[in-house]
Amino acid sequence: MKKLIGLLAVLLCCSLPAMAQQRGDNQRGGGGQHAASPPRGGRPEVGGGHIPSHGPQPSRAPARAPQPSRAPSRPAAPERGRNFSDAQGHPNAPHVHAQGDQWVGHDTGRDDPRFHLDHPWAHGRFSGNFGPSHVYRLEGGNRERFRFGGFFFSVAPFEYAYTDGWLWDSDDIVIYEDPDHPGWYLAYNVRLGTYVHVEFLG
């Protein structure tokens, strides 16, 4: 009888970490909505609580011809006809693969005219923390102006559609620096595994 009780105690102790891990994954996942379905018996390939260990590498896309400066009142045109769904179940939006942290869609290069700002960092630079160890909870707003931790940002107008599934009052996001586009940051949605370019508003 003592051996049976001892065996049950050992099994219970061994199962607690697994249950805690599963609970933590569910809490970070924010309601169980995922951008991609899980592979056989594992985590989702995109989103589901995965946080990239680093931001994207600078693009090696060839330089484009310089474009005339755009007026601030006229937003750049959206990217037409591009499909970001690079595998079955992956979202048709810029996203990060959970295996290998590949940033799908961050490949147009430094001279992409959509990201040109006449006055980069017009409202100053984001003074918060970047990267995987700094997860922020969205506290309200919308794609034109959202907030977390006392900071305000706006999504690039030509990427509005990529935020259609975002929960502006509860999703967790991580901010990464954009190595190619001065004045822009990347806001990564932990639940969905998608990201958009954002501008700091102060």
Protein backbone atom coordinates (compact mmCIF):
# COMPACT_ATOMS: atom_id res chain seq x y z
CA MET A 1 0.00 0.00 0.00
CA LYS A 2 2.86 2.40 0.85
CA LYS A 3 4.48 1.65 -2.51
CA LEU A 4 1.21 2.39 -4.34
CA ILE A 5 0.79 5.74 -2.54
CA GLY A 6 4.43 6.61 -3.24
CA LEU A 7 4.01 5.77 -6.94
CA LEU A 8 0.87 7.92 -7.19
CA ALA A 9 2.68 10.84 -5.50
CA VAL A 10 5.58 10.58 -7.97
CA LEU A 11 3.19 10.48 -10.95
CA LEU A 12 1.30 13.51 -9.65
CA CYS A 13 4.53 15.47 -9.16
CA CYS A 14 5.65 14.61 -12.69
CA SER A 15 2.34 15.73 -14.26
CA LEU A 16 2.13 19.15 -12.55
CA PRO A 17 4.77 20.87 -14.73
CA ALA A 18 3.07 19.62 -17.89
CA MET A 19 -0.31 20.91 -16.71
CA ALA A 20 1.24 24.28 -15.76
CA GLN A 21 2.90 24.55 -19.19
CA GLN A 22 -0.38 23.81 -20.95
CA ARG A 23 -2.23 26.38 -18.81
CA GLY A 24 0.41 29.03 -19.55
CA ASP A 25 0.19 28.32 -23.27
CA ASN A 26 -3.60 28.68 -23.17
CA GLN A 27 -3.41 31.97 -21.27
CA ARG A 28 -0.86 33.44 -23.69
CA GLY A 29 -2.89 32.18 -26.63
CA GLY A 30 -5.76 34.52 -25.68
CA GLY A 31 -8.92 32.55 -26.28
CA GLY A 32 -7.68 29.68 -28.40
CA GLN A 33 -7.82 31.46 -31.79
CA HIS A 34 -4.79 30.61 -33.86
CA ALA A 35 -3.59 31.77 -37.24
CA ALA A 36 -2.52 28.26 -38.21
CA SER A 37 -3.68 24.86 -37.05
CA PRO A 38 -1.22 22.82 -35.01
CA PRO A 39 0.88 20.24 -36.79
CA ARG A 40 0.32 16.64 -35.80
CA GLY A 41 0.28 16.60 -32.00
CA GLY A 42 2.25 19.83 -31.55
CA ARG A 43 2.12 23.60 -31.30
CA PRO A 44 0.76 25.77 -34.12
CA GLU A 45 3.19 26.62 -36.89
CA VAL A 46 2.22 30.31 -36.55
CA GLY A 47 1.08 32.12 -33.40
CA GLY A 48 -0.49 30.26 -30.51
CA GLY A 49 1.69 32.02 -27.94
CA HIS A 50 5.03 31.72 -29.75
CA ILE A 51 7.30 34.77 -29.34
CA PRO A 52 10.16 35.19 -31.84
CA SER A 53 13.58 35.22 -30.20
CA HIS A 54 14.68 38.07 -32.51
CA GLY A 55 13.39 40.55 -35.03
CA PRO A 56 13.87 40.21 -38.78
CA GLN A 57 17.26 40.46 -40.44
CA PRO A 58 17.85 43.42 -42.76
CA SER A 59 16.42 42.66 -46.19
CA ARG A 60 18.74 41.90 -49.08
CA ALA A 61 16.23 43.01 -51.70
CA PRO A 62 17.74 45.02 -54.54
CA ALA A 63 17.48 48.80 -54.29
CA ARG A 64 14.53 50.39 -56.05
CA ALA A 65 14.60 53.65 -57.96
CA PRO A 66 13.97 56.63 -55.66
CA GLN A 67 10.33 57.69 -55.52
CA PRO A 68 9.04 61.23 -55.13
CA SER A 69 8.16 62.12 -51.58
CA ARG A 70 4.50 61.50 -50.76
CA ALA A 71 2.31 64.05 -49.09
CA PRO A 72 1.49 63.19 -45.46
CA SER A 73 -2.25 63.37 -46.16
CA ARG A 74 -2.11 60.69 -48.88
CA PRO A 75 -1.45 57.19 -47.52
CA ALA A 76 0.62 54.77 -49.56
CA ALA A 77 -1.25 52.18 -51.57
CA PRO A 78 -1.70 48.69 -50.10
CA GLU A 79 0.33 45.83 -51.50
CA ARG A 80 -1.95 44.31 -54.10
CA GLY A 81 -2.01 40.68 -55.09
CA ARG A 82 0.60 39.43 -52.64
CA ASN A 83 -0.18 36.20 -50.83
CA PHE A 84 1.66 35.68 -47.52
CA SER A 85 0.09 32.27 -46.91
CA ASP A 86 3.25 30.28 -47.62
CA ALA A 87 1.91 26.96 -46.29
CA GLN A 88 -1.47 25.38 -45.67
CA GLY A 89 -3.15 27.01 -42.67
CA HIS A 90 -0.77 29.99 -42.54
CA PRO A 91 -2.40 33.44 -42.53
CA ASN A 92 -2.47 35.68 -45.59
CA ALA A 93 -0.68 38.39 -43.62
CA PRO A 94 2.93 39.04 -42.66
CA HIS A 95 3.73 36.42 -40.01
CA VAL A 96 6.51 34.58 -38.20
CA HIS A 97 7.09 30.83 -38.32
CA ALA A 98 7.27 29.31 -34.84
CA GLN A 99 10.02 26.94 -36.06
CA GLY A 100 13.11 28.99 -36.85
CA ASP A 101 11.56 32.44 -36.35
CA GLN A 102 11.36 33.20 -40.10
CA TRP A 103 9.73 36.61 -40.70
CA VAL A 104 7.52 36.03 -43.75
CA GLY A 105 6.83 39.26 -45.65
CA HIS A 106 9.68 41.40 -44.37
CA ASP A 107 11.55 41.29 -47.65
CA THR A 108 10.85 44.38 -49.75
CA GLY A 109 14.06 46.20 -48.83
CA ARG A 110 15.05 49.62 -47.56
CA ASP A 111 13.80 51.52 -50.59
CA ASP A 112 10.18 50.37 -50.50
CA PRO A 113 8.35 53.67 -51.14
CA ARG A 114 5.39 52.69 -48.94
CA PHE A 115 7.61 53.02 -45.86
CA HIS A 116 9.18 56.36 -46.73
CA LEU A 117 8.56 59.01 -44.05
CA ASP A 118 9.64 62.59 -44.64
CA HIS A 119 10.17 62.92 -40.88
CA PRO A 120 11.03 59.55 -39.29
CA TRP A 121 10.29 59.42 -35.55
CA ALA A 122 8.33 62.68 -35.77
CA HIS A 123 6.92 62.03 -32.27
CA GLY A 124 10.19 60.76 -30.81
CA ARG A 125 11.50 57.24 -30.47
CA PHE A 126 9.83 54.47 -28.50
CA SER A 127 11.51 54.47 -25.09
CA GLY A 128 10.05 51.16 -23.93
CA ASN A 129 11.69 47.77 -24.25
CA PHE A 130 12.06 45.68 -27.37
CA GLY A 131 12.14 41.98 -27.99
CA PRO A 132 10.93 38.69 -26.61
CA SER A 133 11.32 39.37 -22.91
CA HIS A 134 8.96 42.38 -23.05
CA VAL A 135 5.36 41.39 -23.77
CA TYR A 136 2.82 44.21 -23.70
CA ARG A 137 -0.96 43.87 -23.30
CA LEU A 138 -3.04 46.05 -25.63
CA GLU A 139 -5.18 48.45 -23.58
CA GLY A 140 -7.60 49.78 -26.16
CA GLY A 141 -7.89 51.83 -29.28
CA ASN A 142 -7.89 50.69 -32.88
CA ARG A 143 -5.57 50.47 -35.83
CA GLU A 144 -5.40 54.27 -36.18
CA ARG A 145 -4.34 54.76 -32.55
CA PHE A 146 -3.81 52.07 -29.92
CA ARG A 147 -2.08 52.02 -26.57
CA PHE A 148 -0.22 49.91 -24.04
CA GLY A 149 1.86 50.84 -21.01
CA GLY A 150 1.31 54.58 -21.54
CA PHE A 151 2.61 54.46 -25.15
CA PHE A 152 0.57 55.17 -28.29
CA PHE A 153 1.12 53.78 -31.80
CA SER A 154 -0.66 53.67 -35.16
CA VAL A 155 -0.61 50.93 -37.78
CA ALA A 156 0.68 51.74 -41.27
CA PRO A 157 -2.53 52.55 -43.25
CA PHE A 158 -1.64 50.14 -46.06
CA GLU A 159 -1.47 47.29 -43.50
CA TYR A 160 -4.83 47.92 -41.77
CA ALA A 161 -6.32 44.72 -43.20
CA TYR A 162 -3.64 42.62 -41.49
CA THR A 163 -5.04 43.61 -38.08
CA ASP A 164 -8.63 42.51 -38.71
CA GLY A 165 -8.39 39.70 -36.14
CA TRP A 166 -6.57 41.70 -33.43
CA LEU A 167 -8.23 42.20 -30.04
CA TRP A 168 -7.35 45.81 -29.25
CA ASP A 169 -8.15 45.54 -25.54
CA SER A 170 -6.52 42.22 -24.67
CA ASP A 171 -4.01 40.82 -27.18
CA ASP A 172 -0.36 40.53 -26.18
CA ILE A 173 2.16 42.12 -28.51
CA VAL A 174 5.92 42.40 -28.71
CA ILE A 175 7.68 45.38 -30.31
CA TYR A 176 10.72 44.81 -32.52
CA GLU A 177 12.89 47.36 -34.28
CA ASP A 178 12.57 47.49 -38.06
CA PRO A 179 16.09 47.16 -39.52
CA ASP A 180 15.06 48.47 -42.95
CA HIS A 181 12.57 51.30 -42.55
CA PRO A 182 13.52 54.37 -40.47
CA GLY A 183 10.65 55.60 -38.30
CA TRP A 184 8.80 52.27 -38.22
CA TYR A 185 8.61 49.48 -35.65
CA LEU A 186 7.12 46.00 -35.91
CA ALA A 187 4.24 45.02 -33.62
CA TYR A 188 4.00 41.23 -33.36
CA ASN A 189 0.71 39.70 -32.16
CA VAL A 190 1.57 36.75 -29.89
CA ARG A 191 -1.82 35.05 -30.26
CA LEU A 192 -2.00 35.19 -34.05
CA GLY A 193 1.69 35.18 -34.98
CA THR A 194 1.17 38.08 -37.39
CA TYR A 195 2.86 41.46 -37.40
CA VAL A 196 2.41 44.95 -38.83
CA HIS A 197 4.49 48.08 -39.19
CA VAL A 198 3.60 50.69 -36.60
CA GLU A 199 4.60 54.30 -36.00
CA PHE A 200 5.21 55.64 -32.50
CA LEU A 201 2.83 58.49 -31.57
CA GLY A 202 4.19 59.30 -28.13
